[in-house]
């Protein structure tokens, strides 16, 4: 999945796609294992969405990259150690 694909599915006003988006963001966050990302305890899916999706909307260069890589890079920037 590319960053563009992620942006598309995360902006569809449909409960199934919203659930997919939230699950994807959470899974990508969990997959980092905290390596290089120092997010506060209890960060929510809504917070992840509010950080990642606006960045995708405002950074066309990220749209062609792998979505998981984009999420990792954005979260490293948002929550540096």
PDB file of N, CA and C in Angstrom:
ATOM      1  N   UNK A   1       0.852  -1.169   0.000  1.00  0.00           N
ATOM      2  CA  UNK A   1       0.000   0.000   0.000  1.00  0.00           C
ATOM      3  C   UNK A   1       0.901   1.236   0.000  1.00  0.00           C
ATOM      4  N   UNK A   2       0.574   2.181  -0.823  1.00  0.00           N
ATOM      5  CA  UNK A   2       1.338   3.432  -0.892  1.00  0.00           C
ATOM      6  C   UNK A   2       0.737   4.469   0.066  1.00  0.00           C
ATOM      7  N   UNK A   3       1.460   5.546   0.236  1.00  0.00           N
ATOM      8  CA  UNK A   3       0.931   6.654   1.020  1.00  0.00           C
ATOM      9  C   UNK A   3      -0.361   7.193   0.421  1.00  0.00           C
ATOM     10  N   UNK A   4      -0.428   7.225  -0.916  1.00  0.00           N
ATOM     11  CA  UNK A   4      -1.645   7.698  -1.593  1.00  0.00           C
ATOM     12  C   UNK A   4      -2.819   6.768  -1.296  1.00  0.00           C
ATOM     13  N   UNK A   5      -2.564   5.460  -1.320  1.00  0.00           N
ATOM     14  CA  UNK A   5      -3.621   4.494  -1.002  1.00  0.00           C
ATOM     15  C   UNK A   5      -4.107   4.684   0.426  1.00  0.00           C
ATOM     16  N   UNK A   6      -3.171   4.871   1.341  1.00  0.00           N
ATOM     17  CA  UNK A   6      -3.534   5.071   2.743  1.00  0.00           C
ATOM     18  C   UNK A   6      -4.372   6.334   2.907  1.00  0.00           C
ATOM     19  N   UNK A   7      -3.949   7.400   2.277  1.00  0.00           N
ATOM     20  CA  UNK A   7      -4.714   8.651   2.356  1.00  0.00           C
ATOM     21  C   UNK A   7      -6.122   8.452   1.812  1.00  0.00           C
ATOM     22  N   UNK A   8      -6.230   7.733   0.719  1.00  0.00           N
ATOM     23  CA  UNK A   8      -7.549   7.497   0.114  1.00  0.00           C
ATOM     24  C   UNK A   8      -8.461   6.729   1.074  1.00  0.00           C
ATOM     25  N   UNK A   9      -7.976   5.600   1.619  1.00  0.00           N
ATOM     26  CA  UNK A   9      -8.845   4.800   2.483  1.00  0.00           C
ATOM     27  C   UNK A   9      -9.131   5.492   3.809  1.00  0.00           C
ATOM     28  N   UNK A  10      -8.220   6.343   4.249  1.00  0.00           N
ATOM     29  CA  UNK A  10      -8.428   7.029   5.532  1.00  0.00           C
ATOM     30  C   UNK A  10      -9.307   8.267   5.408  1.00  0.00           C
ATOM     31  N   UNK A  11      -9.705   8.597   4.214  1.00  0.00           N
ATOM     32  CA  UNK A  11     -10.578   9.766   4.042  1.00  0.00           C
ATOM     33  C   UNK A  11     -11.929   9.392   3.432  1.00  0.00           C
ATOM     34  N   UNK A  12     -12.228   8.091   3.398  1.00  0.00           N
ATOM     35  CA  UNK A  12     -13.544   7.627   2.954  1.00  0.00           C
ATOM     36  C   UNK A  12     -14.478   7.652   4.159  1.00  0.00           C
ATOM     37  N   UNK A  13     -15.604   8.308   4.009  1.00  0.00           N
ATOM     38  CA  UNK A  13     -16.571   8.420   5.110  1.00  0.00           C
ATOM     39  C   UNK A  13     -17.451   7.171   5.159  1.00  0.00           C
ATOM     40  N   UNK A  14     -16.847   6.080   5.596  1.00  0.00           N
ATOM     41  CA  UNK A  14     -17.543   4.804   5.700  1.00  0.00           C
ATOM     42  C   UNK A  14     -16.962   4.073   6.907  1.00  0.00           C
ATOM     43  N   UNK A  15     -17.810   3.546   7.754  1.00  0.00           N
ATOM     44  CA  UNK A  15     -17.335   2.962   9.008  1.00  0.00           C
ATOM     45  C   UNK A  15     -16.358   1.802   8.790  1.00  0.00           C
ATOM     46  N   UNK A  16     -16.551   0.997   7.751  1.00  0.00           N
ATOM     47  CA  UNK A  16     -15.624  -0.107   7.506  1.00  0.00           C
ATOM     48  C   UNK A  16     -14.242   0.412   7.115  1.00  0.00           C
ATOM     49  N   UNK A  17     -14.189   1.448   6.277  1.00  0.00           N
ATOM     50  CA  UNK A  17     -12.888   2.004   5.881  1.00  0.00           C
ATOM     51  C   UNK A  17     -12.243   2.750   7.029  1.00  0.00           C
ATOM     52  N   UNK A  18     -13.053   3.399   7.853  1.00  0.00           N
ATOM     53  CA  UNK A  18     -12.514   4.078   9.032  1.00  0.00           C
ATOM     54  C   UNK A  18     -11.880   3.048   9.961  1.00  0.00           C
ATOM     55  N   UNK A  19     -12.553   1.919  10.152  1.00  0.00           N
ATOM     56  CA  UNK A  19     -12.005   0.847  10.968  1.00  0.00           C
ATOM     57  C   UNK A  19     -10.718   0.286  10.386  1.00  0.00           C
ATOM     58  N   UNK A  20     -10.684   0.105   9.061  1.00  0.00           N
ATOM     59  CA  UNK A  20      -9.473  -0.376   8.407  1.00  0.00           C
ATOM     60  C   UNK A  20      -8.332   0.606   8.612  1.00  0.00           C
ATOM     61  N   UNK A  21      -8.611   1.882   8.393  1.00  0.00           N
ATOM     62  CA  UNK A  21      -7.602   2.925   8.542  1.00  0.00           C
ATOM     63  C   UNK A  21      -7.040   2.929   9.957  1.00  0.00           C
ATOM     64  N   UNK A  22      -7.920   2.957  10.946  1.00  0.00           N
ATOM     65  CA  UNK A  22      -7.470   2.979  12.338  1.00  0.00           C
ATOM     66  C   UNK A  22      -6.648   1.742  12.679  1.00  0.00           C
ATOM     67  N   UNK A  23      -7.085   0.591  12.196  1.00  0.00           N
ATOM     68  CA  UNK A  23      -6.353  -0.640  12.443  1.00  0.00           C
ATOM     69  C   UNK A  23      -4.983  -0.635  11.787  1.00  0.00           C
ATOM     70  N   UNK A  24      -4.910  -0.109  10.569  1.00  0.00           N
ATOM     71  CA  UNK A  24      -3.639  -0.051   9.841  1.00  0.00           C
ATOM     72  C   UNK A  24      -2.664   0.879  10.557  1.00  0.00           C
ATOM     73  N   UNK A  25      -3.148   2.043  10.951  1.00  0.00           N
ATOM     74  CA  UNK A  25      -2.287   2.995  11.663  1.00  0.00           C
ATOM     75  C   UNK A  25      -1.780   2.394  12.970  1.00  0.00           C
ATOM     76  N   UNK A  26      -2.674   1.742  13.700  1.00  0.00           N
ATOM     77  CA  UNK A  26      -2.287   1.135  14.979  1.00  0.00           C
ATOM     78  C   UNK A  26      -1.284   0.007  14.763  1.00  0.00           C
ATOM     79  N   UNK A  27      -1.521  -0.839  13.765  1.00  0.00           N
ATOM     80  CA  UNK A  27      -0.613  -1.957  13.490  1.00  0.00           C
ATOM     81  C   UNK A  27       0.771  -1.444  13.085  1.00  0.00           C
ATOM     82  N   UNK A  28       0.812  -0.415  12.257  1.00  0.00           N
ATOM     83  CA  UNK A  28       2.107   0.144  11.840  1.00  0.00           C
ATOM     84  C   UNK A  28       2.828   0.753  13.036  1.00  0.00           C
ATOM     85  N   UNK A  29       2.095   1.428  13.901  1.00  0.00           N
ATOM     86  CA  UNK A  29       2.676   1.994  15.118  1.00  0.00           C
ATOM     87  C   UNK A  29       3.200   0.879  16.015  1.00  0.00           C
ATOM     88  N   UNK A  30       2.405  -0.147  16.230  1.00  0.00           N
ATOM     89  CA  UNK A  30       2.819  -1.265  17.081  1.00  0.00           C
ATOM     90  C   UNK A  30       4.038  -1.984  16.506  1.00  0.00           C
ATOM     91  N   UNK A  31       4.124  -2.049  15.191  1.00  0.00           N
ATOM     92  CA  UNK A  31       5.229  -2.757  14.535  1.00  0.00           C
ATOM     93  C   UNK A  31       6.572  -2.068  14.758  1.00  0.00           C
ATOM     94  N   UNK A  32       6.561  -0.793  15.093  1.00  0.00           N
ATOM     95  CA  UNK A  32       7.824  -0.101  15.325  1.00  0.00           C
ATOM     96  C   UNK A  32       8.503  -0.612  16.587  1.00  0.00           C
ATOM     97  N   UNK A  33       7.727  -1.159  17.500  1.00  0.00           N
ATOM     98  CA  UNK A  33       8.285  -1.667  18.742  1.00  0.00           C
ATOM     99  C   UNK A  33       8.967  -0.603  19.577  1.00  0.00           C
ATOM    100  N   UNK A  34       8.641   0.652  19.311  1.00  0.00           N
ATOM    101  CA  UNK A  34       9.243   1.747  20.062  1.00  0.00           C
ATOM    102  C   UNK A  34      10.641   2.104  19.608  1.00  0.00           C
ATOM    103  N   UNK A  35      11.119   1.487  18.545  1.00  0.00           N
ATOM    104  CA  UNK A  35      12.479   1.747  18.056  1.00  0.00           C
ATOM    105  C   UNK A  35      12.525   3.090  17.333  1.00  0.00           C
ATOM    106  N   UNK A  36      13.150   4.052  17.963  1.00  0.00           N
ATOM    107  CA  UNK A  36      13.306   5.361  17.359  1.00  0.00           C
ATOM    108  C   UNK A  36      12.095   6.268  17.479  1.00  0.00           C
ATOM    109  N   UNK A  37      11.053   5.767  18.103  1.00  0.00           N
ATOM    110  CA  UNK A  37       9.832   6.551  18.301  1.00  0.00           C
ATOM    111  C   UNK A  37       9.536   6.566  19.794  1.00  0.00           C
ATOM    112  N   UNK A  38       9.482   7.729  20.371  1.00  0.00           N
ATOM    113  CA  UNK A  38       9.236   7.853  21.806  1.00  0.00           C
ATOM    114  C   UNK A  38       7.891   8.535  22.051  1.00  0.00           C
ATOM    115  N   UNK A  39       6.844   7.835  21.654  1.00  0.00           N
ATOM    116  CA  UNK A  39       5.483   8.346  21.844  1.00  0.00           C
ATOM    117  C   UNK A  39       5.105   8.224  23.313  1.00  0.00           C
ATOM    118  N   UNK A  40       4.286   9.146  23.794  1.00  0.00           N
ATOM    119  CA  UNK A  40       3.840   9.041  25.183  1.00  0.00           C
ATOM    120  C   UNK A  40       2.957   7.814  25.371  1.00  0.00           C
ATOM    121  N   UNK A  41       2.954   7.284  26.582  1.00  0.00           N
ATOM    122  CA  UNK A  41       2.074   6.152  26.874  1.00  0.00           C
ATOM    123  C   UNK A  41       0.638   6.573  26.639  1.00  0.00           C
ATOM    124  N   UNK A  42      -0.134   5.658  26.094  1.00  0.00           N
ATOM    125  CA  UNK A  42      -1.554   5.917  25.904  1.00  0.00           C
ATOM    126  C   UNK A  42      -1.898   6.688  24.650  1.00  0.00           C
ATOM    127  N   UNK A  43      -0.954   6.824  23.712  1.00  0.00           N
ATOM    128  CA  UNK A  43      -1.288   7.515  22.470  1.00  0.00           C
ATOM    129  C   UNK A  43      -2.430   6.754  21.801  1.00  0.00           C
ATOM    130  N   UNK A  44      -3.414   7.487  21.315  1.00  0.00           N
ATOM    131  CA  UNK A  44      -4.620   6.868  20.766  1.00  0.00           C
ATOM    132  C   UNK A  44      -4.578   6.795  19.239  1.00  0.00           C
ATOM    133  N   UNK A  45      -5.466   5.993  18.707  1.00  0.00           N
ATOM    134  CA  UNK A  45      -5.592   5.907  17.248  1.00  0.00           C
ATOM    135  C   UNK A  45      -5.986   7.259  16.662  1.00  0.00           C
ATOM    136  N   UNK A  46      -6.831   7.978  17.371  1.00  0.00           N
ATOM    137  CA  UNK A  46      -7.223   9.310  16.882  1.00  0.00           C
ATOM    138  C   UNK A  46      -6.018  10.236  16.816  1.00  0.00           C
ATOM    139  N   UNK A  47      -5.142  10.152  17.797  1.00  0.00           N
ATOM    140  CA  UNK A  47      -3.931  10.974  17.784  1.00  0.00           C
ATOM    141  C   UNK A  47      -3.023  10.571  16.623  1.00  0.00           C
ATOM    142  N   UNK A  48      -2.879   9.272  16.389  1.00  0.00           N
ATOM    143  CA  UNK A  48      -2.080   8.812  15.256  1.00  0.00           C
ATOM    144  C   UNK A  48      -2.659   9.354  13.953  1.00  0.00           C
ATOM    145  N   UNK A  49      -3.964   9.254  13.809  1.00  0.00           N
ATOM    146  CA  UNK A  49      -4.645   9.769  12.616  1.00  0.00           C
ATOM    147  C   UNK A  49      -4.377  11.262  12.461  1.00  0.00           C
ATOM    148  N   UNK A  50      -4.525  12.014  13.552  1.00  0.00           N
ATOM    149  CA  UNK A  50      -4.364  13.471  13.505  1.00  0.00           C
ATOM    150  C   UNK A  50      -2.934  13.908  13.188  1.00  0.00           C
ATOM    151  N   UNK A  51      -1.980  13.026  13.388  1.00  0.00           N
ATOM    152  CA  UNK A  51      -0.588  13.326  13.053  1.00  0.00           C
ATOM    153  C   UNK A  51      -0.263  12.890  11.629  1.00  0.00           C
ATOM    154  N   UNK A  52      -0.671  11.681  11.273  1.00  0.00           N
ATOM    155  CA  UNK A  52      -0.247  11.071  10.008  1.00  0.00           C
ATOM    156  C   UNK A  52      -1.016  11.591   8.804  1.00  0.00           C
ATOM    157  N   UNK A  53      -2.334  11.644   8.879  1.00  0.00           N
ATOM    158  CA  UNK A  53      -3.140  11.984   7.692  1.00  0.00           C
ATOM    159  C   UNK A  53      -2.919  13.424   7.231  1.00  0.00           C
ATOM    160  N   UNK A  54      -2.878  14.431   8.110  1.00  0.00           N
ATOM    161  CA  UNK A  54      -2.571  15.784   7.628  1.00  0.00           C
ATOM    162  C   UNK A  54      -1.191  15.867   6.956  1.00  0.00           C
ATOM    163  N   UNK A  55      -0.231  15.118   7.494  1.00  0.00           N
ATOM    164  CA  UNK A  55       1.105  15.114   6.894  1.00  0.00           C
ATOM    165  C   UNK A  55       1.035  14.554   5.473  1.00  0.00           C
ATOM    166  N   UNK A  56       0.269  13.490   5.273  1.00  0.00           N
ATOM    167  CA  UNK A  56       0.094  12.940   3.926  1.00  0.00           C
ATOM    168  C   UNK A  56      -0.595  13.944   3.002  1.00  0.00           C
ATOM    169  N   UNK A  57      -1.597  14.627   3.523  1.00  0.00           N
ATOM    170  CA  UNK A  57      -2.321  15.619   2.708  1.00  0.00           C
ATOM    171  C   UNK A  57      -1.421  16.764   2.269  1.00  0.00           C
ATOM    172  N   UNK A  58      -0.454  17.122   3.113  1.00  0.00           N
ATOM    173  CA  UNK A  58       0.387  18.285   2.845  1.00  0.00           C
ATOM    174  C   UNK A  58       1.765  17.958   2.291  1.00  0.00           C
ATOM    175  N   UNK A  59       2.025  16.685   2.043  1.00  0.00           N
ATOM    176  CA  UNK A  59       3.351  16.276   1.564  1.00  0.00           C
ATOM    177  C   UNK A  59       3.213  15.325   0.377  1.00  0.00           C
ATOM    178  N   UNK A  60       2.998  15.861  -0.810  1.00  0.00           N
ATOM    179  CA  UNK A  60       2.791  15.004  -1.979  1.00  0.00           C
ATOM    180  C   UNK A  60       3.950  14.048  -2.235  1.00  0.00           C
ATOM    181  N   UNK A  61       5.142  14.405  -1.784  1.00  0.00           N
ATOM    182  CA  UNK A  61       6.304  13.531  -1.982  1.00  0.00           C
ATOM    183  C   UNK A  61       6.176  12.218  -1.212  1.00  0.00           C
ATOM    184  N   UNK A  62       5.347  12.181  -0.175  1.00  0.00           N
ATOM    185  CA  UNK A  62       5.162  10.970   0.611  1.00  0.00           C
ATOM    186  C   UNK A  62       4.154  10.001  -0.011  1.00  0.00           C
ATOM    187  N   UNK A  63       3.356  10.485  -0.934  1.00  0.00           N
ATOM    188  CA  UNK A  63       2.259   9.685  -1.459  1.00  0.00           C
ATOM    189  C   UNK A  63       2.708   8.462  -2.242  1.00  0.00           C
ATOM    190  N   UNK A  64       3.862   8.524  -2.855  1.00  0.00           N
ATOM    191  CA  UNK A  64       4.344   7.399  -3.658  1.00  0.00           C
ATOM    192  C   UNK A  64       5.130   6.385  -2.842  1.00  0.00           C
ATOM    193  N   UNK A  65       5.446   6.716  -1.609  1.00  0.00           N
ATOM    194  CA  UNK A  65       6.229   5.821  -0.761  1.00  0.00           C
ATOM    195  C   UNK A  65       5.347   4.754  -0.125  1.00  0.00           C
ATOM    196  N   UNK A  66       5.974   3.710   0.382  1.00  0.00           N
ATOM    197  CA  UNK A  66       5.277   2.659   1.100  1.00  0.00           C
ATOM    198  C   UNK A  66       4.600   3.256   2.334  1.00  0.00           C
ATOM    199  N   UNK A  67       3.341   2.917   2.547  1.00  0.00           N
ATOM    200  CA  UNK A  67       2.560   3.520   3.633  1.00  0.00           C
ATOM    201  C   UNK A  67       3.172   3.256   5.008  1.00  0.00           C
ATOM    202  N   UNK A  68       3.647   2.050   5.237  1.00  0.00           N
ATOM    203  CA  UNK A  68       4.235   1.738   6.536  1.00  0.00           C
ATOM    204  C   UNK A  68       5.508   2.546   6.769  1.00  0.00           C
ATOM    205  N   UNK A  69       6.289   2.727   5.725  1.00  0.00           N
ATOM    206  CA  UNK A  69       7.507   3.532   5.831  1.00  0.00           C
ATOM    207  C   UNK A  69       7.163   4.991   6.113  1.00  0.00           C
ATOM    208  N   UNK A  70       6.112   5.486   5.485  1.00  0.00           N
ATOM    209  CA  UNK A  70       5.660   6.858   5.707  1.00  0.00           C
ATOM    210  C   UNK A  70       5.231   7.031   7.158  1.00  0.00           C
ATOM    211  N   UNK A  71       4.446   6.088   7.653  1.00  0.00           N
ATOM    212  CA  UNK A  71       3.972   6.167   9.044  1.00  0.00           C
ATOM    213  C   UNK A  71       5.157   6.186   9.994  1.00  0.00           C
ATOM    214  N   UNK A  72       6.114   5.309   9.776  1.00  0.00           N
ATOM    215  CA  UNK A  72       7.306   5.258  10.613  1.00  0.00           C
ATOM    216  C   UNK A  72       8.042   6.598  10.598  1.00  0.00           C
ATOM    217  N   UNK A  73       8.260   7.144   9.418  1.00  0.00           N
ATOM    218  CA  UNK A  73       9.001   8.409   9.300  1.00  0.00           C
ATOM    219  C   UNK A  73       8.256   9.565   9.966  1.00  0.00           C
ATOM    220  N   UNK A  74       6.945   9.624   9.756  1.00  0.00           N
ATOM    221  CA  UNK A  74       6.142  10.707  10.333  1.00  0.00           C
ATOM    222  C   UNK A  74       6.149  10.603  11.864  1.00  0.00           C
ATOM    223  N   UNK A  75       6.025   9.394  12.390  1.00  0.00           N
ATOM    224  CA  UNK A  75       6.009   9.231  13.839  1.00  0.00           C
ATOM    225  C   UNK A  75       7.367   9.481  14.457  1.00  0.00           C
ATOM    226  N   UNK A  76       8.440   9.160  13.755  1.00  0.00           N
ATOM    227  CA  UNK A  76       9.784   9.483  14.252  1.00  0.00           C
ATOM    228  C   UNK A  76       9.956  11.000  14.373  1.00  0.00           C
ATOM    229  N   UNK A  77       9.375  11.721  13.446  1.00  0.00           N
ATOM    230  CA  UNK A  77       9.456  13.182  13.471  1.00  0.00           C
ATOM    231  C   UNK A  77       8.554  13.746  14.574  1.00  0.00           C
ATOM    232  N   UNK A  78       7.371  13.164  14.728  1.00  0.00           N
ATOM    233  CA  UNK A  78       6.423  13.661  15.729  1.00  0.00           C
ATOM    234  C   UNK A  78       6.823  13.317  17.157  1.00  0.00           C
ATOM    235  N   UNK A  79       7.461  12.140  17.335  1.00  0.00           N
ATOM    236  CA  UNK A  79       7.824  11.666  18.670  1.00  0.00           C
ATOM    237  C   UNK A  79       9.311  11.278  18.712  1.00  0.00           C
ATOM    238  N   UNK A  80      10.208  12.259  18.552  1.00  0.00           N
ATOM    239  CA  UNK A  80      11.639  11.917  18.574  1.00  0.00           C
ATOM    240  C   UNK A  80      12.073  11.475  19.985  1.00  0.00           C
ATOM    241  N   UNK A  81      13.095  10.657  20.009  1.00  0.00           N
ATOM    242  CA  UNK A  81      13.632  10.202  21.306  1.00  0.00           C
ATOM    243  C   UNK A  81      14.705  11.165  21.797  1.00  0.00           C
TER     244      UNK A  81
END
